[in-house]
Protein backbone atom coordinates (compact mmCIF):
# COMPACT_ATOMS: atom_id res chain seq x y z
CA MET A 1 0.00 0.00 0.00
CA ILE A 2 1.44 3.37 -1.07
CA VAL A 3 0.17 6.61 0.49
CA ILE A 4 0.34 9.80 -1.61
CA THR A 5 -0.55 13.11 0.04
CA GLY A 6 -1.58 16.15 -1.99
CA ALA A 7 -2.98 13.63 -4.48
CA ALA A 8 -5.58 15.97 -5.98
CA GLY A 9 -2.82 18.47 -6.73
CA PHE A 10 -0.33 18.99 -9.51
CA ILE A 11 2.79 16.93 -8.86
CA ALA A 12 1.17 14.22 -6.73
CA SER A 13 -1.53 13.40 -9.28
CA ASN A 14 1.17 12.95 -11.92
CA VAL A 15 3.13 10.72 -9.54
CA ALA A 16 0.01 8.61 -8.96
CA GLY A 17 -0.46 8.31 -12.72
CA GLN A 18 3.17 7.25 -13.15
CA LEU A 19 2.74 4.58 -10.47
CA ASN A 20 -0.43 3.30 -12.14
CA ARG A 21 1.41 2.97 -15.45
CA HIS A 22 4.01 0.81 -13.70
CA GLY A 23 1.43 -1.48 -12.17
CA PHE A 24 0.98 0.13 -8.76
CA ASN A 25 -2.75 0.42 -8.13
CA ASN A 26 -2.61 -0.06 -4.35
CA LEU A 27 -2.66 3.70 -3.76
CA VAL A 28 -4.24 5.62 -0.90
CA LEU A 29 -4.80 9.20 -2.01
CA VAL A 30 -4.79 11.89 0.69
CA ASP A 31 -5.91 15.50 0.18
CA ASP A 32 -8.69 18.00 0.66
CA PHE A 33 -11.09 16.62 -1.94
CA SER A 34 -13.72 19.33 -1.43
CA ARG A 35 -12.69 21.36 -4.49
CA PRO A 36 -14.65 19.94 -7.45
CA GLN A 37 -12.37 21.62 -10.02
CA LYS A 38 -9.51 19.34 -8.92
CA LYS A 39 -11.52 16.14 -9.44
CA ARG A 40 -10.20 15.73 -12.98
CA ASN A 41 -6.71 15.25 -11.52
CA TYR A 42 -7.59 11.97 -9.80
CA GLU A 43 -10.87 10.67 -11.20
CA GLY A 44 -9.08 8.59 -13.85
CA LEU A 45 -6.57 7.03 -11.45
CA SER A 46 -6.65 3.51 -10.01
CA PHE A 47 -6.54 3.61 -6.22
CA LEU A 48 -7.79 1.88 -3.09
CA GLU A 49 -9.19 4.80 -1.13
CA LEU A 50 -9.54 8.57 -0.82
CA VAL A 51 -8.71 9.92 2.63
CA ASP A 52 -9.36 13.51 3.71
CA ARG A 53 -6.17 15.16 4.94
CA ASN A 54 -7.84 16.15 8.23
CA ARG A 55 -8.51 12.54 9.17
CA PHE A 56 -5.35 11.07 7.67
CA PHE A 57 -3.55 10.56 10.96
CA GLU A 58 -6.53 8.76 12.44
CA TRP A 59 -6.63 6.56 9.33
CA PHE A 60 -2.88 5.99 9.52
CA GLU A 61 -2.94 4.77 13.12
CA GLU A 62 -5.50 2.16 12.07
CA HIS A 63 -3.78 1.05 8.85
CA HIS A 64 -0.04 1.66 9.29
CA GLY A 65 0.70 -2.05 9.30
CA LYS A 66 -0.36 -2.24 5.64
CA VAL A 67 1.53 0.87 4.48
CA ASP A 68 4.71 0.13 2.52
CA PHE A 69 5.70 3.67 1.47
CA ILE A 70 4.61 7.28 1.91
CA ILE A 71 5.03 9.97 -0.74
CA HIS A 72 4.22 13.24 1.02
CA LEU A 73 3.68 16.01 -1.53
CA GLY A 74 0.78 17.87 0.08
CA ALA A 75 1.66 21.44 1.08
CA ARG A 76 0.70 25.08 0.89
CA THR A 77 2.88 26.37 -1.96
CA ASP A 78 1.84 30.02 -2.35
CA THR A 79 5.06 32.04 -2.36
CA THR A 80 3.07 35.28 -2.06
CA GLU A 81 1.45 34.24 1.25
CA PHE A 82 3.29 36.01 4.07
CA ASP A 83 1.43 34.65 7.11
CA TYR A 84 3.93 32.10 8.38
CA ASN A 85 1.33 30.50 10.65
CA VAL A 86 -0.36 29.10 7.54
CA PHE A 87 2.86 27.31 6.56
CA GLN A 88 3.61 26.25 10.12
CA GLN A 89 0.36 24.33 10.27
CA LEU A 90 0.03 22.93 6.74
CA ASN A 91 3.70 22.42 5.88
CA VAL A 92 5.89 22.14 8.97
CA ASP A 93 3.63 20.54 11.58
CA TYR A 94 1.91 18.17 9.15
CA THR A 95 5.20 16.99 7.62
CA LEU A 96 6.94 16.47 10.95
CA LYS A 97 4.00 14.43 12.21
CA ILE A 98 4.30 12.20 9.14
CA TRP A 99 8.07 11.96 9.73
CA THR A 100 7.53 10.96 13.35
CA LEU A 101 5.06 8.22 12.40
CA CYS A 102 7.30 6.91 9.60
CA THR A 103 10.13 6.73 12.11
CA LYS A 104 7.96 5.03 14.72
CA TYR A 105 6.59 2.40 12.33
CA GLN A 106 9.71 2.23 10.09
CA ILE A 107 8.00 3.20 6.86
CA PRO A 108 10.07 4.69 3.98
CA LEU A 109 9.27 8.30 3.14
CA VAL A 110 9.72 10.72 0.25
CA TYR A 111 8.66 14.29 0.98
CA ALA A 112 8.62 17.56 -0.93
CA SER A 113 11.22 20.13 -0.02
CA SER A 114 11.83 22.97 -2.49
CA ALA A 115 14.48 24.91 -4.39
CA ALA A 116 12.89 27.94 -2.66
CA THR A 117 15.07 26.97 0.31
CA TYR A 118 18.12 28.27 -1.61
CA GLY A 119 17.03 31.91 -1.47
CA MET A 120 19.06 34.06 -3.83
CA GLY A 121 21.53 31.23 -4.35
CA GLU A 122 24.26 32.86 -2.29
CA LEU A 123 25.53 29.39 -1.37
CA GLY A 124 24.80 27.87 -4.75
CA TYR A 125 22.19 25.26 -5.59
CA ASP A 126 23.91 22.21 -4.14
CA ASP A 127 21.86 19.66 -2.18
CA ARG A 128 24.55 19.37 0.49
CA HIS A 129 23.45 18.86 4.06
CA ASP A 130 26.15 21.05 5.57
CA ILE A 131 24.71 24.30 4.12
CA VAL A 132 21.06 23.82 5.14
CA ASN A 133 21.35 25.75 8.42
CA ALA A 134 22.94 28.69 6.60
CA LEU A 135 20.37 29.01 3.81
CA GLN A 136 18.28 32.20 3.65
CA PRO A 137 14.94 31.58 1.87
CA LEU A 138 13.23 34.66 0.42
CA ASN A 139 9.69 33.99 1.63
CA PRO A 140 7.73 32.13 4.35
CA TYR A 141 7.03 29.20 2.01
CA GLY A 142 10.74 28.61 1.41
CA ARG A 143 11.46 29.09 5.09
CA SER A 144 8.87 26.48 6.05
CA LYS A 145 10.48 23.93 3.74
CA ASN A 146 13.94 24.71 5.08
CA GLU A 147 12.75 24.36 8.68
CA ILE A 148 11.52 20.86 7.82
CA ASP A 149 14.87 19.94 6.26
CA LYS A 150 16.78 21.33 9.26
CA TYR A 151 14.69 19.38 11.74
CA ILE A 152 14.94 16.10 9.83
CA LEU A 153 18.68 16.38 9.40
CA SER A 154 19.04 16.86 13.16
CA GLN A 155 17.28 13.59 14.00
CA THR A 156 19.19 10.46 14.93
CA GLU A 157 16.14 8.19 14.71
CA GLN A 158 14.87 7.97 11.14
CA PRO A 159 12.71 5.92 8.78
CA PRO A 160 14.54 3.05 7.01
CA PHE A 161 14.79 5.30 3.94
CA TRP A 162 13.90 8.94 3.38
CA ALA A 163 14.43 11.55 0.70
CA GLY A 164 13.60 15.27 0.77
CA LEU A 165 13.21 16.50 -2.80
CA LYS A 166 14.17 20.05 -3.69
CA PHE A 167 11.92 20.67 -6.68
CA PHE A 168 12.96 23.42 -9.08
CA ASN A 169 10.49 25.01 -11.56
CA VAL A 170 8.11 22.14 -12.28
CA TYR A 171 5.64 22.45 -15.17
CA GLY A 172 3.19 20.17 -16.94
CA PRO A 173 -0.37 18.79 -16.90
CA ASN A 174 -2.75 19.04 -13.92
CA GLU A 175 -1.70 22.48 -12.64
CA PHE A 176 -4.75 24.33 -13.98
CA HIS A 177 -6.12 24.88 -10.45
CA LYS A 178 -3.00 26.68 -9.17
CA GLY A 179 -4.01 30.17 -10.32
CA LYS A 180 -1.16 32.67 -10.11
CA MET A 181 1.18 29.92 -8.81
CA ALA A 182 0.89 27.89 -12.04
CA SER A 183 3.93 27.66 -14.30
CA VAL A 184 4.84 30.46 -16.69
CA ILE A 185 4.08 28.08 -19.56
CA LEU A 186 0.42 27.81 -18.57
CA HIS A 187 0.22 31.59 -18.14
CA ALA A 188 1.92 32.07 -21.52
CA TYR A 189 -0.47 29.65 -23.21
CA ARG A 190 -3.48 31.47 -21.80
CA GLN A 191 -2.08 34.91 -22.71
CA ILE A 192 -1.43 33.81 -26.27
CA LYS A 193 -4.95 32.43 -26.61
CA GLU A 194 -6.47 35.65 -25.20
CA THR A 195 -4.20 38.38 -26.59
CA GLY A 196 -1.81 36.85 -29.10
CA LYS A 197 1.23 37.86 -27.06
CA VAL A 198 3.12 37.02 -23.86
CA LYS A 199 4.19 39.49 -21.18
CA LEU A 200 7.52 38.81 -19.47
CA PHE A 201 9.28 40.75 -16.74
CA ARG A 202 11.89 43.22 -17.89
CA SER A 203 15.37 42.74 -16.44
CA HIS A 204 16.45 45.16 -13.72
CA HIS A 205 19.88 43.56 -13.42
CA PRO A 206 22.82 44.85 -15.50
CA ASN A 207 24.11 41.34 -16.21
CA PHE A 208 20.87 40.04 -17.72
CA LYS A 209 19.01 41.21 -20.83
CA ASP A 210 15.22 41.39 -20.88
CA GLY A 211 13.77 37.88 -20.90
CA GLN A 212 17.13 36.27 -20.18
CA GLN A 213 16.41 35.60 -16.52
CA LEU A 214 17.21 31.90 -16.06
CA ARG A 215 15.40 29.07 -14.30
CA ASP A 216 15.76 25.31 -14.14
CA PHE A 217 12.46 24.21 -15.70
CA VAL A 218 11.70 20.52 -15.09
CA PHE A 219 8.86 18.55 -16.70
CA VAL A 220 6.51 16.98 -14.15
CA GLU A 221 6.77 13.56 -15.80
CA ASP A 222 10.50 13.58 -15.02
CA VAL A 223 9.74 14.43 -11.40
CA ALA A 224 7.38 11.46 -11.21
CA LYS A 225 10.04 9.18 -12.70
CA VAL A 226 12.57 10.28 -10.08
CA ILE A 227 10.12 9.53 -7.27
CA LEU A 228 9.31 6.09 -8.69
CA TRP A 229 13.04 5.35 -8.96
CA LEU A 230 13.68 6.42 -5.37
CA MET A 231 10.83 4.24 -4.15
CA GLU A 232 12.15 1.20 -5.98
CA HIS A 233 15.92 1.66 -5.46
CA ARG A 234 16.18 3.49 -2.11
CA PRO A 235 19.73 4.88 -2.33
CA GLU A 236 21.36 6.74 0.55
CA SER A 237 18.83 8.80 2.49
CA GLY A 238 19.06 12.58 2.25
CA LEU A 239 18.12 15.71 0.37
CA TYR A 240 18.09 15.54 -3.43
CA ASN A 241 17.72 18.27 -6.04
CA VAL A 242 15.13 17.57 -8.73
CA GLY A 243 15.72 19.77 -11.76
CA THR A 244 17.36 19.23 -15.14
CA GLY A 245 20.73 20.71 -14.26
CA LYS A 246 20.40 23.16 -17.16
CA ALA A 247 19.02 26.67 -16.69
CA ARG A 248 16.95 28.15 -19.52
CA SER A 249 15.58 31.63 -20.09
CA PHE A 250 12.00 32.81 -19.81
CA TYR A 251 12.37 34.00 -23.40
CA ASP A 252 13.16 30.43 -24.48
CA LEU A 253 10.11 29.21 -22.61
CA ALA A 254 7.75 31.73 -24.21
CA ASP A 255 9.32 31.30 -27.65
CA ASN A 256 8.82 27.53 -27.50
CA THR A 257 5.22 27.99 -26.43
CA PHE A 258 4.56 30.06 -29.56
CA LYS A 259 6.37 27.46 -31.70
CA ALA A 260 4.30 24.64 -30.20
CA LEU A 261 1.19 26.58 -31.23
CA GLY A 262 2.55 27.22 -34.71
CA LEU A 263 2.58 31.00 -34.17
CA GLU A 264 5.08 33.83 -34.58
CA THR A 265 6.71 34.87 -31.31
CA ASN A 266 5.25 38.08 -29.87
CA ILE A 267 6.72 39.06 -26.49
CA GLU A 268 6.18 42.27 -24.54
CA PHE A 269 8.33 43.23 -21.57
CA ILE A 270 6.87 44.84 -18.46
CA ASP A 271 8.51 46.12 -15.29
CA THR A 272 8.94 43.65 -12.45
CA PRO A 273 6.61 44.79 -9.64
CA MET A 274 8.42 46.82 -6.97
CA GLU A 275 7.17 44.57 -4.17
CA ILE A 276 9.14 41.60 -5.52
CA ARG A 277 11.90 43.33 -7.46
CA ASP A 278 14.52 43.18 -4.71
CA LYS A 279 13.83 39.48 -4.12
CA TYR A 280 13.62 38.41 -7.74
CA GLN A 281 15.88 35.52 -8.72
CA TYR A 282 17.79 35.93 -11.97
CA PHE A 283 19.32 32.46 -12.01
CA THR A 284 18.56 29.01 -10.61
CA GLU A 285 20.12 25.74 -11.72
CA ALA A 286 20.03 22.43 -9.88
CA ASN A 287 23.29 20.63 -9.22
CA MET A 288 22.15 17.10 -10.11
CA ALA A 289 25.41 15.32 -9.25
CA LYS A 290 24.08 13.70 -6.06
CA LEU A 291 21.11 12.02 -7.73
CA ARG A 292 23.28 10.91 -10.66
CA HIS A 293 25.91 9.55 -8.26
CA ALA A 294 23.15 7.64 -6.45
CA GLY A 295 22.49 5.79 -9.70
CA TYR A 296 19.71 7.67 -11.49
CA THR A 297 20.50 7.53 -15.22
CA GLU A 298 17.27 8.59 -16.97
CA PRO A 299 17.60 11.66 -19.22
CA PHE A 300 15.57 14.77 -18.41
CA THR A 301 13.12 16.14 -20.95
CA SER A 302 14.42 19.15 -22.88
CA LEU A 303 12.50 22.40 -22.58
CA GLU A 304 11.59 22.15 -26.27
CA ASP A 305 10.12 18.65 -25.92
CA GLY A 306 8.46 19.38 -22.58
CA VAL A 307 6.74 22.54 -23.80
CA ARG A 308 5.61 20.79 -26.98
CA SER A 309 4.11 17.93 -24.98
CA TYR A 310 2.45 20.22 -22.45
CA VAL A 311 0.96 22.52 -25.09
CA ALA A 312 -0.44 19.50 -26.92
CA PHE A 313 -2.09 18.45 -23.65
CA LEU A 314 -3.53 21.94 -23.14
CA MET A 315 -4.87 22.07 -26.68
CA SER A 316 -6.63 18.73 -26.17
CA SER A 317 -8.17 19.84 -22.88
CA ASP A 318 -11.00 22.25 -22.14
CA PHE A 319 -8.90 25.29 -21.24
């Protein structure tokens, strides 16, 4: 029995689909299932049971003997929310309770950390354990994820295997419900459909031209493959980056969205809002050496192929 939290959401629903395709149908999906617009993310999946996140721990105490693995991806991910109490409850407390139970009952665990823990990248984007206490996230969301990592790394008693995954800029199907927190590709697709052009932030940094701000964009299918591999191979426990290891520009992303639609590129640059300008990241790129050294050999989808696949999905859906 495999438990997946956040299962009605973006990454977790793709992970569940990946597991189904590899013959794993013994899934217990945990989330707040009260939002009807998210039903499409899980209604086609094969699973054993849906469990509301508020009664998950009660369910777990009754069924832990049957649980073989937990994939904990449920979280509040809004980087524009500045009330830390929200993250303390939904991210920190919830995750540490899962960690404690996995330790108590010796159940392997994969949980979602975030590249947001790296802040402005002053210490690089290396998934080393020795820099975690020195990291300076830029917002409460990133801080909540880093607090989880710090606590877990300080524990001597642990599950038999655990991995905290530092996701970079994930994009792909099933993120339609995320609103302003959806990937730039989805926003670009919608802007093109509505206006025929894409608006990108102008650069306010002398070393970067407009549209050349760089991110490590990773296709959600690749993320799901990494999680499946970790579940099956269980290398050394620890924090792992999950990106492509190759930063690409927002211009490239928008340009490839136009190409996937068979349209001429039409990009307009607008000023970065003042409220985020001093905290805006101009470069992120995952160091993927640790995961590769652990034995993961699958290639990561190129931005060109990922955007093409995602746009095809969007065009075939009712967006």
